[in-house]
PDB file of N, CA and C in Angstrom:
ATOM      1  N   MET A   1     250.925  42.212  16.542  1.00  0.00           N
ATOM      2  CA  MET A   1     249.778  41.376  16.289  1.00  0.00           C
ATOM      3  C   MET A   1     249.102  41.707  15.002  1.00  0.00           C
ATOM      4  N   GLY A   2     249.237  42.933  14.576  1.00  0.00           N
ATOM      5  CA  GLY A   2     248.589  43.366  13.363  1.00  0.00           C
ATOM      6  C   GLY A   2     246.985  43.491  13.697  1.00  0.00           C
ATOM      7  N   GLU A   3     246.251  43.446  12.580  1.00  0.00           N
ATOM      8  CA  GLU A   3     244.801  43.611  12.794  1.00  0.00           C
ATOM      9  C   GLU A   3     244.147  42.341  13.443  1.00  0.00           C
ATOM     10  N   VAL A   4     243.322  42.566  14.400  1.00  0.00           N
ATOM     11  CA  VAL A   4     242.622  41.524  15.097  1.00  0.00           C
ATOM     12  C   VAL A   4     241.130  41.544  14.633  1.00  0.00           C
ATOM     13  N   LYS A   5     240.611  40.392  14.240  1.00  0.00           N
ATOM     14  CA  LYS A   5     239.162  40.323  13.913  1.00  0.00           C
ATOM     15  C   LYS A   5     238.319  40.646  15.077  1.00  0.00           C
ATOM     16  N   HIS A   6     237.185  41.274  14.740  1.00  0.00           N
ATOM     17  CA  HIS A   6     236.262  41.654  15.858  1.00  0.00           C
ATOM     18  C   HIS A   6     235.863  40.555  16.796  1.00  0.00           C
ATOM     19  N   GLN A   7     235.562  39.425  16.172  1.00  0.00           N
ATOM     20  CA  GLN A   7     235.181  38.350  16.960  1.00  0.00           C
ATOM     21  C   GLN A   7     236.216  37.709  17.874  1.00  0.00           C
ATOM     22  N   GLU A   8     237.447  38.152  17.752  1.00  0.00           N
ATOM     23  CA  GLU A   8     238.602  37.551  18.587  1.00  0.00           C
ATOM     24  C   GLU A   8     238.911  38.525  19.715  1.00  0.00           C
ATOM     25  N   ILE A   9     238.391  39.752  19.695  1.00  0.00           N
ATOM     26  CA  ILE A   9     238.750  40.740  20.689  1.00  0.00           C
ATOM     27  C   ILE A   9     238.368  40.373  22.035  1.00  0.00           C
ATOM     28  N   ALA A  10     237.225  39.821  22.288  1.00  0.00           N
ATOM     29  CA  ALA A  10     236.800  39.444  23.680  1.00  0.00           C
ATOM     30  C   ALA A  10     237.768  38.529  24.318  1.00  0.00           C
ATOM     31  N   GLY A  11     238.302  37.498  23.472  1.00  0.00           N
ATOM     32  CA  GLY A  11     239.181  36.537  24.025  1.00  0.00           C
ATOM     33  C   GLY A  11     240.536  37.147  24.443  1.00  0.00           C
ATOM     34  N   LEU A  12     240.911  38.191  23.629  1.00  0.00           N
ATOM     35  CA  LEU A  12     242.161  38.897  23.990  1.00  0.00           C
ATOM     36  C   LEU A  12     241.993  39.684  25.228  1.00  0.00           C
ATOM     37  N   TYR A  13     240.816  40.369  25.418  1.00  0.00           N
ATOM     38  CA  TYR A  13     240.641  41.107  26.647  1.00  0.00           C
ATOM     39  C   TYR A  13     240.658  40.167  27.906  1.00  0.00           C
ATOM     40  N   LYS A  14     240.045  39.005  27.678  1.00  0.00           N
ATOM     41  CA  LYS A  14     239.984  38.046  28.800  1.00  0.00           C
ATOM     42  C   LYS A  14     241.324  37.543  29.175  1.00  0.00           C
ATOM     43  N   ALA A  15     242.273  37.565  28.303  1.00  0.00           N
ATOM     44  CA  ALA A  15     243.654  37.086  28.579  1.00  0.00           C
ATOM     45  C   ALA A  15     244.456  38.206  29.204  1.00  0.00           C
ATOM     46  N   ALA A  16     243.992  39.469  29.240  1.00  0.00           N
ATOM     47  CA  ALA A  16     244.737  40.529  29.701  1.00  0.00           C
ATOM     48  C   ALA A  16     244.530  40.810  31.154  1.00  0.00           C
ATOM     49  N   ASP A  17     245.456  41.546  31.805  1.00  0.00           N
ATOM     50  CA  ASP A  17     245.337  41.974  33.205  1.00  0.00           C
ATOM     51  C   ASP A  17     244.825  43.361  33.371  1.00  0.00           C
ATOM     52  N   MET A  18     244.959  44.184  32.326  1.00  0.00           N
ATOM     53  CA  MET A  18     244.548  45.594  32.443  1.00  0.00           C
ATOM     54  C   MET A  18     244.406  46.136  31.019  1.00  0.00           C
ATOM     55  N   VAL A  19     243.719  47.281  30.888  1.00  0.00           N
ATOM     56  CA  VAL A  19     243.556  47.974  29.615  1.00  0.00           C
ATOM     57  C   VAL A  19     244.300  49.287  29.775  1.00  0.00           C
ATOM     58  N   LEU A  20     245.081  49.651  28.656  1.00  0.00           N
ATOM     59  CA  LEU A  20     245.787  50.881  28.680  1.00  0.00           C
ATOM     60  C   LEU A  20     245.216  51.731  27.516  1.00  0.00           C
ATOM     61  N   ASN A  21     245.010  52.991  27.850  1.00  0.00           N
ATOM     62  CA  ASN A  21     244.667  53.961  26.918  1.00  0.00           C
ATOM     63  C   ASN A  21     245.581  55.150  27.077  1.00  0.00           C
ATOM     64  N   THR A  22     246.599  55.201  26.247  1.00  0.00           N
ATOM     65  CA  THR A  22     247.602  56.254  26.413  1.00  0.00           C
ATOM     66  C   THR A  22     247.533  57.310  25.353  1.00  0.00           C
ATOM     67  N   SER A  23     246.276  57.532  24.865  1.00  0.00           N
ATOM     68  CA  SER A  23     246.066  58.540  23.751  1.00  0.00           C
ATOM     69  C   SER A  23     246.462  59.980  24.191  1.00  0.00           C
ATOM     70  N   LEU A  24     246.959  60.682  23.261  1.00  0.00           N
ATOM     71  CA  LEU A  24     247.260  62.114  23.552  1.00  0.00           C
ATOM     72  C   LEU A  24     245.943  62.898  23.217  1.00  0.00           C
ATOM     73  N   VAL A  25     245.079  62.468  22.436  1.00  0.00           N
ATOM     74  CA  VAL A  25     243.814  63.036  22.178  1.00  0.00           C
ATOM     75  C   VAL A  25     242.779  61.844  22.056  1.00  0.00           C
ATOM     76  N   GLU A  26     241.650  62.027  22.606  1.00  0.00           N
ATOM     77  CA  GLU A  26     240.631  61.018  22.686  1.00  0.00           C
ATOM     78  C   GLU A  26     239.191  61.647  22.583  1.00  0.00           C
ATOM     79  N   GLY A  27     238.301  60.865  21.822  1.00  0.00           N
ATOM     80  CA  GLY A  27     236.969  61.252  21.777  1.00  0.00           C
ATOM     81  C   GLY A  27     236.219  60.561  22.925  1.00  0.00           C
ATOM     82  N   GLN A  28     235.837  59.325  22.705  1.00  0.00           N
ATOM     83  CA  GLN A  28     235.323  58.451  23.738  1.00  0.00           C
ATOM     84  C   GLN A  28     236.121  57.124  23.520  1.00  0.00           C
ATOM     85  N   PRO A  29     236.642  56.750  24.636  1.00  0.00           N
ATOM     86  CA  PRO A  29     237.609  55.557  24.584  1.00  0.00           C
ATOM     87  C   PRO A  29     236.872  54.235  24.508  1.00  0.00           C
ATOM     88  N   GLN A  30     236.459  53.909  23.294  1.00  0.00           N
ATOM     89  CA  GLN A  30     235.645  52.683  23.108  1.00  0.00           C
ATOM     90  C   GLN A  30     236.406  51.384  23.464  1.00  0.00           C
ATOM     91  N   ALA A  31     237.727  51.365  23.057  1.00  0.00           N
ATOM     92  CA  ALA A  31     238.504  50.145  23.379  1.00  0.00           C
ATOM     93  C   ALA A  31     238.564  49.928  24.862  1.00  0.00           C
ATOM     94  N   ALA A  32     238.890  51.113  25.580  1.00  0.00           N
ATOM     95  CA  ALA A  32     238.956  51.007  27.032  1.00  0.00           C
ATOM     96  C   ALA A  32     237.702  50.564  27.665  1.00  0.00           C
ATOM     97  N   LEU A  33     236.516  51.012  27.195  1.00  0.00           N
ATOM     98  CA  LEU A  33     235.177  50.580  27.620  1.00  0.00           C
ATOM     99  C   LEU A  33     234.932  49.150  27.331  1.00  0.00           C
ATOM    100  N   GLU A  34     235.325  48.647  26.195  1.00  0.00           N
ATOM    101  CA  GLU A  34     235.215  47.238  25.860  1.00  0.00           C
ATOM    102  C   GLU A  34     235.956  46.416  26.833  1.00  0.00           C
ATOM    103  N   GLY A  35     237.197  46.737  27.146  1.00  0.00           N
ATOM    104  CA  GLY A  35     238.019  45.976  28.059  1.00  0.00           C
ATOM    105  C   GLY A  35     237.421  46.030  29.473  1.00  0.00           C
ATOM    106  N   MET A  36     236.894  47.239  29.875  1.00  0.00           N
ATOM    107  CA  MET A  36     236.351  47.400  31.230  1.00  0.00           C
ATOM    108  C   MET A  36     235.066  46.515  31.298  1.00  0.00           C
ATOM    109  N   SER A  37     234.368  46.342  30.166  1.00  0.00           N
ATOM    110  CA  SER A  37     233.092  45.621  30.178  1.00  0.00           C
ATOM    111  C   SER A  37     233.280  44.092  30.538  1.00  0.00           C
ATOM    112  N   VAL A  38     234.560  43.598  30.275  1.00  0.00           N
ATOM    113  CA  VAL A  38     234.779  42.205  30.642  1.00  0.00           C
ATOM    114  C   VAL A  38     235.583  42.134  31.988  1.00  0.00           C
ATOM    115  N   GLY A  39     235.650  43.197  32.712  1.00  0.00           N
ATOM    116  CA  GLY A  39     236.165  43.170  34.047  1.00  0.00           C
ATOM    117  C   GLY A  39     237.632  43.527  34.092  1.00  0.00           C
ATOM    118  N   LEU A  40     238.188  44.382  33.274  1.00  0.00           N
ATOM    119  CA  LEU A  40     239.532  44.779  33.399  1.00  0.00           C
ATOM    120  C   LEU A  40     239.653  46.139  33.911  1.00  0.00           C
ATOM    121  N   PRO A  41     240.575  46.373  34.825  1.00  0.00           N
ATOM    122  CA  PRO A  41     240.827  47.810  35.307  1.00  0.00           C
ATOM    123  C   PRO A  41     241.494  48.562  34.143  1.00  0.00           C
ATOM    124  N   VAL A  42     241.409  49.856  34.140  1.00  0.00           N
ATOM    125  CA  VAL A  42     241.897  50.637  33.086  1.00  0.00           C
ATOM    126  C   VAL A  42     242.884  51.672  33.568  1.00  0.00           C
ATOM    127  N   ILE A  43     243.875  51.954  32.701  1.00  0.00           N
ATOM    128  CA  ILE A  43     244.778  53.094  32.936  1.00  0.00           C
ATOM    129  C   ILE A  43     244.627  53.945  31.712  1.00  0.00           C
ATOM    130  N   MET A  44     244.240  55.278  31.935  1.00  0.00           N
ATOM    131  CA  MET A  44     243.939  56.158  30.809  1.00  0.00           C
ATOM    132  C   MET A  44     244.832  57.470  30.929  1.00  0.00           C
ATOM    133  N   SER A  45     245.261  57.989  29.918  1.00  0.00           N
ATOM    134  CA  SER A  45     245.888  59.276  29.930  1.00  0.00           C
ATOM    135  C   SER A  45     244.880  60.351  30.346  1.00  0.00           C
ATOM    136  N   ARG A  46     245.324  61.330  31.105  1.00  0.00           N
ATOM    137  CA  ARG A  46     244.484  62.364  31.519  1.00  0.00           C
ATOM    138  C   ARG A  46     244.273  63.413  30.442  1.00  0.00           C
ATOM    139  N   VAL A  47     243.392  63.082  29.507  1.00  0.00           N
ATOM    140  CA  VAL A  47     243.088  63.964  28.356  1.00  0.00           C
ATOM    141  C   VAL A  47     241.563  64.159  28.325  1.00  0.00           C
ATOM    142  N   PRO A  48     241.033  65.334  27.806  1.00  0.00           N
ATOM    143  CA  PRO A  48     239.691  65.574  27.852  1.00  0.00           C
ATOM    144  C   PRO A  48     238.703  64.465  27.469  1.00  0.00           C
ATOM    145  N   GLY A  49     238.927  63.700  26.406  1.00  0.00           N
ATOM    146  CA  GLY A  49     238.052  62.627  26.055  1.00  0.00           C
ATOM    147  C   GLY A  49     237.969  61.512  27.023  1.00  0.00           C
ATOM    148  N   ASN A  50     238.960  61.340  27.898  1.00  0.00           N
ATOM    149  CA  ASN A  50     239.007  60.271  28.856  1.00  0.00           C
ATOM    150  C   ASN A  50     238.419  60.754  30.212  1.00  0.00           C
ATOM    151  N   LEU A  51     238.575  61.985  30.533  1.00  0.00           N
ATOM    152  CA  LEU A  51     238.187  62.465  31.846  1.00  0.00           C
ATOM    153  C   LEU A  51     236.655  62.315  32.051  1.00  0.00           C
ATOM    154  N   GLY A  52     236.419  61.902  33.237  1.00  0.00           N
ATOM    155  CA  GLY A  52     234.918  61.746  33.640  1.00  0.00           C
ATOM    156  C   GLY A  52     234.491  60.330  33.327  1.00  0.00           C
ATOM    157  N   ILE A  53     235.280  59.479  32.689  1.00  0.00           N
ATOM    158  CA  ILE A  53     234.827  58.149  32.364  1.00  0.00           C
ATOM    159  C   ILE A  53     234.841  57.285  33.700  1.00  0.00           C
ATOM    160  N   ILE A  54     235.998  57.387  34.422  1.00  0.00           N
ATOM    161  CA  ILE A  54     236.222  56.628  35.664  1.00  0.00           C
ATOM    162  C   ILE A  54     236.374  57.523  36.852  1.00  0.00           C
ATOM    163  N   THR A  55     236.250  56.935  37.931  1.00  0.00           N
ATOM    164  CA  THR A  55     236.631  57.580  39.259  1.00  0.00           C
ATOM    165  C   THR A  55     238.028  56.990  39.582  1.00  0.00           C
ATOM    166  N   PRO A  56     239.021  57.903  39.571  1.00  0.00           N
ATOM    167  CA  PRO A  56     240.396  57.307  39.796  1.00  0.00           C
ATOM    168  C   PRO A  56     240.471  56.552  41.162  1.00  0.00           C
ATOM    169  N   GLY A  57     241.090  55.392  41.023  1.00  0.00           N
ATOM    170  CA  GLY A  57     241.237  54.530  42.219  1.00  0.00           C
ATOM    171  C   GLY A  57     240.053  53.540  42.414  1.00  0.00           C
ATOM    172  N   LYS A  58     238.969  53.789  41.667  1.00  0.00           N
ATOM    173  CA  LYS A  58     237.794  52.900  41.774  1.00  0.00           C
ATOM    174  C   LYS A  58     237.752  51.955  40.649  1.00  0.00           C
ATOM    175  N   GLU A  59     237.855  52.383  39.420  1.00  0.00           N
ATOM    176  CA  GLU A  59     237.806  51.491  38.215  1.00  0.00           C
ATOM    177  C   GLU A  59     239.193  51.469  37.480  1.00  0.00           C
ATOM    178  N   GLY A  60     239.994  52.326  37.957  1.00  0.00           N
ATOM    179  CA  GLY A  60     241.332  52.402  37.315  1.00  0.00           C
ATOM    180  C   GLY A  60     242.073  53.692  37.673  1.00  0.00           C
ATOM    181  N   PHE A  61     242.943  54.101  36.788  1.00  0.00           N
ATOM    182  CA  PHE A  61     243.721  55.262  37.102  1.00  0.00           C
ATOM    183  C   PHE A  61     243.905  56.226  35.823  1.00  0.00           C
ATOM    184  N   TYR A  62     243.957  57.438  36.149  1.00  0.00           N
ATOM    185  CA  TYR A  62     244.392  58.467  35.142  1.00  0.00           C
ATOM    186  C   TYR A  62     245.839  58.799  35.350  1.00  0.00           C
ATOM    187  N   VAL A  63     246.553  58.921  34.194  1.00  0.00           N
ATOM    188  CA  VAL A  63     247.997  59.244  34.333  1.00  0.00           C
ATOM    189  C   VAL A  63     248.367  60.402  33.414  1.00  0.00           C
ATOM    190  N   GLU A  64     249.366  61.182  33.801  1.00  0.00           N
ATOM    191  CA  GLU A  64     249.777  62.345  33.061  1.00  0.00           C
ATOM    192  C   GLU A  64     251.173  62.255  32.400  1.00  0.00           C
ATOM    193  N   ASN A  65     251.922  61.237  32.893  1.00  0.00           N
ATOM    194  CA  ASN A  65     253.361  61.189  32.436  1.00  0.00           C
ATOM    195  C   ASN A  65     253.840  59.789  32.552  1.00  0.00           C
ATOM    196  N   PRO A  66     254.969  59.373  31.967  1.00  0.00           N
ATOM    197  CA  PRO A  66     255.495  58.019  31.984  1.00  0.00           C
ATOM    198  C   PRO A  66     255.738  57.554  33.436  1.00  0.00           C
ATOM    199  N   GLN A  67     256.109  58.328  34.365  1.00  0.00           N
ATOM    200  CA  GLN A  67     256.318  57.945  35.822  1.00  0.00           C
ATOM    201  C   GLN A  67     254.947  57.466  36.378  1.00  0.00           C
ATOM    202  N   GLU A  68     253.914  58.252  36.167  1.00  0.00           N
ATOM    203  CA  GLU A  68     252.591  57.810  36.695  1.00  0.00           C
ATOM    204  C   GLU A  68     252.025  56.589  35.964  1.00  0.00           C
ATOM    205  N   LEU A  69     252.379  56.440  34.698  1.00  0.00           N
ATOM    206  CA  LEU A  69     251.906  55.190  34.014  1.00  0.00           C
ATOM    207  C   LEU A  69     252.627  54.082  34.595  1.00  0.00           C
ATOM    208  N   ALA A  70     253.957  54.102  34.797  1.00  0.00           N
ATOM    209  CA  ALA A  70     254.726  53.038  35.375  1.00  0.00           C
ATOM    210  C   ALA A  70     254.241  52.702  36.779  1.00  0.00           C
ATOM    211  N   GLU A  71     253.937  53.662  37.562  1.00  0.00           N
ATOM    212  CA  GLU A  71     253.479  53.444  38.953  1.00  0.00           C
ATOM    213  C   GLU A  71     252.059  52.771  38.933  1.00  0.00           C
ATOM    214  N   ALA A  72     251.144  53.123  38.062  1.00  0.00           N
ATOM    215  CA  ALA A  72     249.853  52.541  37.969  1.00  0.00           C
ATOM    216  C   ALA A  72     249.961  51.146  37.494  1.00  0.00           C
ATOM    217  N   MET A  73     250.809  50.902  36.434  1.00  0.00           N
ATOM    218  CA  MET A  73     250.938  49.478  35.884  1.00  0.00           C
ATOM    219  C   MET A  73     251.588  48.588  36.993  1.00  0.00           C
ATOM    220  N   LEU A  74     252.515  49.071  37.681  1.00  0.00           N
ATOM    221  CA  LEU A  74     253.153  48.247  38.733  1.00  0.00           C
ATOM    222  C   LEU A  74     252.167  47.943  39.902  1.00  0.00           C
ATOM    223  N   ALA A  75     251.315  48.965  40.302  1.00  0.00           N
ATOM    224  CA  ALA A  75     250.379  48.739  41.274  1.00  0.00           C
ATOM    225  C   ALA A  75     249.391  47.595  40.877  1.00  0.00           C
ATOM    226  N   LEU A  76     248.921  47.582  39.630  1.00  0.00           N
ATOM    227  CA  LEU A  76     248.067  46.566  39.170  1.00  0.00           C
ATOM    228  C   LEU A  76     248.755  45.234  38.934  1.00  0.00           C
ATOM    229  N   ALA A  77     249.973  45.307  38.440  1.00  0.00           N
ATOM    230  CA  ALA A  77     250.728  44.118  38.224  1.00  0.00           C
ATOM    231  C   ALA A  77     251.015  43.344  39.493  1.00  0.00           C
ATOM    232  N   ASP A  78     251.287  44.124  40.580  1.00  0.00           N
ATOM    233  CA  ASP A  78     251.702  43.525  41.782  1.00  0.00           C
ATOM    234  C   ASP A  78     250.573  43.058  42.686  1.00  0.00           C
ATOM    235  N   SER A  79     249.300  43.327  42.315  1.00  0.00           N
ATOM    236  CA  SER A  79     248.203  42.972  43.183  1.00  0.00           C
ATOM    237  C   SER A  79     246.999  42.419  42.427  1.00  0.00           C
ATOM    238  N   SER A  80     246.830  41.135  42.405  1.00  0.00           N
ATOM    239  CA  SER A  80     245.735  40.520  41.779  1.00  0.00           C
ATOM    240  C   SER A  80     244.442  40.905  42.420  1.00  0.00           C
ATOM    241  N   SER A  81     244.439  41.159  43.692  1.00  0.00           N
ATOM    242  CA  SER A  81     243.236  41.636  44.390  1.00  0.00           C
ATOM    243  C   SER A  81     242.836  42.992  43.994  1.00  0.00           C
ATOM    244  N   LEU A  82     243.744  43.861  43.734  1.00  0.00           N
ATOM    245  CA  LEU A  82     243.512  45.217  43.269  1.00  0.00           C
ATOM    246  C   LEU A  82     242.890  45.114  41.819  1.00  0.00           C
ATOM    247  N   ARG A  83     243.517  44.329  40.933  1.00  0.00           N
ATOM    248  CA  ARG A  83     243.054  44.155  39.615  1.00  0.00           C
ATOM    249  C   ARG A  83     241.601  43.647  39.642  1.00  0.00           C
ATOM    250  N   ARG A  84     241.344  42.675  40.443  1.00  0.00           N
ATOM    251  CA  ARG A  84     239.865  42.104  40.500  1.00  0.00           C
ATOM    252  C   ARG A  84     238.960  43.191  41.060  1.00  0.00           C
ATOM    253  N   LYS A  85     239.310  43.904  42.066  1.00  0.00           N
ATOM    254  CA  LYS A  85     238.480  44.886  42.673  1.00  0.00           C
ATOM    255  C   LYS A  85     238.155  46.021  41.687  1.00  0.00           C
ATOM    256  N   LEU A  86     239.173  46.615  41.031  1.00  0.00           N
ATOM    257  CA  LEU A  86     238.999  47.604  40.082  1.00  0.00           C
ATOM    258  C   LEU A  86     238.286  47.115  38.856  1.00  0.00           C
ATOM    259  N   GLY A  87     238.631  45.917  38.427  1.00  0.00           N
ATOM    260  CA  GLY A  87     238.030  45.339  37.195  1.00  0.00           C
ATOM    261  C   GLY A  87     236.513  45.105  37.433  1.00  0.00           C
ATOM    262  N   ALA A  88     236.103  44.610  38.592  1.00  0.00           N
ATOM    263  CA  ALA A  88     234.704  44.438  38.871  1.00  0.00           C
ATOM    264  C   ALA A  88     233.939  45.791  38.872  1.00  0.00           C
ATOM    265  N   ALA A  89     234.548  46.788  39.407  1.00  0.00           N
ATOM    266  CA  ALA A  89     233.969  48.091  39.471  1.00  0.00           C
ATOM    267  C   ALA A  89     233.894  48.667  38.034  1.00  0.00           C
ATOM    268  N   ALA A  90     234.888  48.366  37.228  1.00  0.00           N
ATOM    269  CA  ALA A  90     234.887  48.889  35.835  1.00  0.00           C
ATOM    270  C   ALA A  90     233.756  48.181  35.069  1.00  0.00           C
ATOM    271  N   ALA A  91     233.539  46.877  35.256  1.00  0.00           N
ATOM    272  CA  ALA A  91     232.452  46.175  34.552  1.00  0.00           C
ATOM    273  C   ALA A  91     231.122  46.721  34.937  1.00  0.00           C
ATOM    274  N   ASP A  92     230.956  47.039  36.310  1.00  0.00           N
ATOM    275  CA  ASP A  92     229.728  47.566  36.791  1.00  0.00           C
ATOM    276  C   ASP A  92     229.494  48.967  36.226  1.00  0.00           C
ATOM    277  N   LEU A  93     230.513  49.749  36.146  1.00  0.00           N
ATOM    278  CA  LEU A  93     230.355  51.134  35.582  1.00  0.00           C
ATOM    279  C   LEU A  93     229.887  51.048  34.104  1.00  0.00           C
ATOM    280  N   VAL A  94     230.492  50.126  33.303  1.00  0.00           N
ATOM    281  CA  VAL A  94     230.109  50.060  31.917  1.00  0.00           C
ATOM    282  C   VAL A  94     228.658  49.612  31.808  1.00  0.00           C
ATOM    283  N   LYS A  95     228.246  48.643  32.636  1.00  0.00           N
ATOM    284  CA  LYS A  95     226.789  48.165  32.595  1.00  0.00           C
ATOM    285  C   LYS A  95     225.892  49.329  32.949  1.00  0.00           C
ATOM    286  N   GLU A  96     226.210  50.086  33.963  1.00  0.00           N
ATOM    287  CA  GLU A  96     225.339  51.185  34.386  1.00  0.00           C
ATOM    288  C   GLU A  96     225.297  52.383  33.496  1.00  0.00           C
ATOM    289  N   ARG A  97     226.472  52.823  32.959  1.00  0.00           N
ATOM    290  CA  ARG A  97     226.518  54.063  32.192  1.00  0.00           C
ATOM    291  C   ARG A  97     226.761  53.977  30.719  1.00  0.00           C
ATOM    292  N   TYR A  98     227.222  52.821  30.245  1.00  0.00           N
ATOM    293  CA  TYR A  98     227.616  52.759  28.827  1.00  0.00           C
ATOM    294  C   TYR A  98     227.084  51.556  28.155  1.00  0.00           C
ATOM    295  N   SER A  99     225.969  50.920  28.689  1.00  0.00           N
ATOM    296  CA  SER A  99     225.298  49.858  28.013  1.00  0.00           C
ATOM    297  C   SER A  99     224.559  50.332  26.794  1.00  0.00           C
ATOM    298  N   LYS A 100     224.214  49.462  25.893  1.00  0.00           N
ATOM    299  CA  LYS A 100     223.534  49.890  24.680  1.00  0.00           C
ATOM    300  C   LYS A 100     222.174  50.501  25.026  1.00  0.00           C
ATOM    301  N   THR A 101     221.477  49.933  26.053  1.00  0.00           N
ATOM    302  CA  THR A 101     220.227  50.432  26.447  1.00  0.00           C
ATOM    303  C   THR A 101     220.346  51.865  27.043  1.00  0.00           C
ATOM    304  N   HIS A 102     221.357  52.061  27.880  1.00  0.00           N
ATOM    305  CA  HIS A 102     221.548  53.416  28.471  1.00  0.00           C
ATOM    306  C   HIS A 102     221.903  54.456  27.310  1.00  0.00           C
ATOM    307  N   GLU A 103     222.724  54.026  26.390  1.00  0.00           N
ATOM    308  CA  GLU A 103     223.120  54.980  25.277  1.00  0.00           C
ATOM    309  C   GLU A 103     221.890  55.290  24.515  1.00  0.00           C
ATOM    310  N   TRP A 104     221.099  54.275  24.173  1.00  0.00           N
ATOM    311  CA  TRP A 104     219.910  54.458  23.381  1.00  0.00           C
ATOM    312  C   TRP A 104     219.026  55.441  24.113  1.00  0.00           C
ATOM    313  N   GLU A 105     218.801  55.256  25.394  1.00  0.00           N
ATOM    314  CA  GLU A 105     217.871  56.117  26.187  1.00  0.00           C
ATOM    315  C   GLU A 105     218.420  57.561  26.166  1.00  0.00           C
ATOM    316  N   GLN A 106     219.724  57.764  26.195  1.00  0.00           N
ATOM    317  CA  GLN A 106     220.300  59.134  26.195  1.00  0.00           C
ATOM    318  C   GLN A 106     220.103  59.770  24.807  1.00  0.00           C
ATOM    319  N   TYR A 107     220.381  59.035  23.709  1.00  0.00           N
ATOM    320  CA  TYR A 107     220.108  59.545  22.403  1.00  0.00           C
ATOM    321  C   TYR A 107     218.586  59.916  22.247  1.00  0.00           C
ATOM    322  N   HIS A 108     217.763  58.986  22.702  1.00  0.00           N
ATOM    323  CA  HIS A 108     216.331  59.194  22.534  1.00  0.00           C
ATOM    324  C   HIS A 108     215.919  60.551  23.301  1.00  0.00           C
ATOM    325  N   PHE A 109     216.478  60.738  24.457  1.00  0.00           N
ATOM    326  CA  PHE A 109     216.235  61.953  25.248  1.00  0.00           C
ATOM    327  C   PHE A 109     216.661  63.160  24.423  1.00  0.00           C
ATOM    328  N   VAL A 110     217.842  63.121  23.893  1.00  0.00           N
ATOM    329  CA  VAL A 110     218.327  64.239  23.075  1.00  0.00           C
ATOM    330  C   VAL A 110     217.463  64.522  21.894  1.00  0.00           C
ATOM    331  N   TYR A 111     217.032  63.502  21.176  1.00  0.00           N
ATOM    332  CA  TYR A 111     216.107  63.646  20.011  1.00  0.00           C
ATOM    333  C   TYR A 111     214.807  64.234  20.403  1.00  0.00           C
ATOM    334  N   GLN A 112     214.294  63.847  21.570  1.00  0.00           N
ATOM    335  CA  GLN A 112     213.019  64.374  22.054  1.00  0.00           C
ATOM    336  C   GLN A 112     213.175  65.863  22.402  1.00  0.00           C
ATOM    337  N   GLU A 113     214.376  66.189  22.962  1.00  0.00           N
ATOM    338  CA  GLU A 113     214.616  67.581  23.276  1.00  0.00           C
ATOM    339  C   GLU A 113     214.658  68.405  21.965  1.00  0.00           C
ATOM    340  N   LEU A 114     215.324  67.936  21.027  1.00  0.00           N
ATOM    341  CA  LEU A 114     215.556  68.614  19.738  1.00  0.00           C
ATOM    342  C   LEU A 114     214.193  68.818  18.966  1.00  0.00           C
ATOM    343  N   ILE A 115     213.315  67.872  18.956  1.00  0.00           N
ATOM    344  CA  ILE A 115     212.017  68.021  18.200  1.00  0.00           C
ATOM    345  C   ILE A 115     210.931  68.529  19.069  1.00  0.00           C
ATOM    346  N   GLY A 116     211.171  68.696  20.347  1.00  0.00           N
ATOM    347  CA  GLY A 116     210.171  69.231  21.320  1.00  0.00           C
ATOM    348  C   GLY A 116     209.082  68.219  21.641  1.00  0.00           C
ATOM    349  N   ASP A 117     209.315  66.975  21.437  1.00  0.00           N
ATOM    350  CA  ASP A 117     208.445  65.872  21.811  1.00  0.00           C
ATOM    351  C   ASP A 117     208.599  65.510  23.263  1.00  0.00           C
ATOM    352  N   GLU A 118     207.463  65.162  23.928  1.00  0.00           N
ATOM    353  CA  GLU A 118     207.551  64.663  25.245  1.00  0.00           C
ATOM    354  C   GLU A 118     207.113  63.286  25.389  1.00  0.00           C
TER     355      GLU A 118
END
């Protein structure tokens, strides 16, 4: 596909069944969070930057090897109800923990701690 314009990303996510993050190293998986925000379940590699983002089996799956990746993909591909359930939970998680407002509040808290302001 090459480079995709930012304004076209939401449409691509909406046409997808799941989001894959197979990074070997990750900071914070923004692309996975974007896909989750539109109701897609996620499959992420079990690396430090991804760990703690989801509850396995609730919003998606963590995988450690190609066999686990294939199993997770098949589970989601074979069950539209599982995709919907995990996708809805993923969207809720992003709204609760990764919204702009929540992120701003967390940064604000850190800044207050650093400057000693209450």
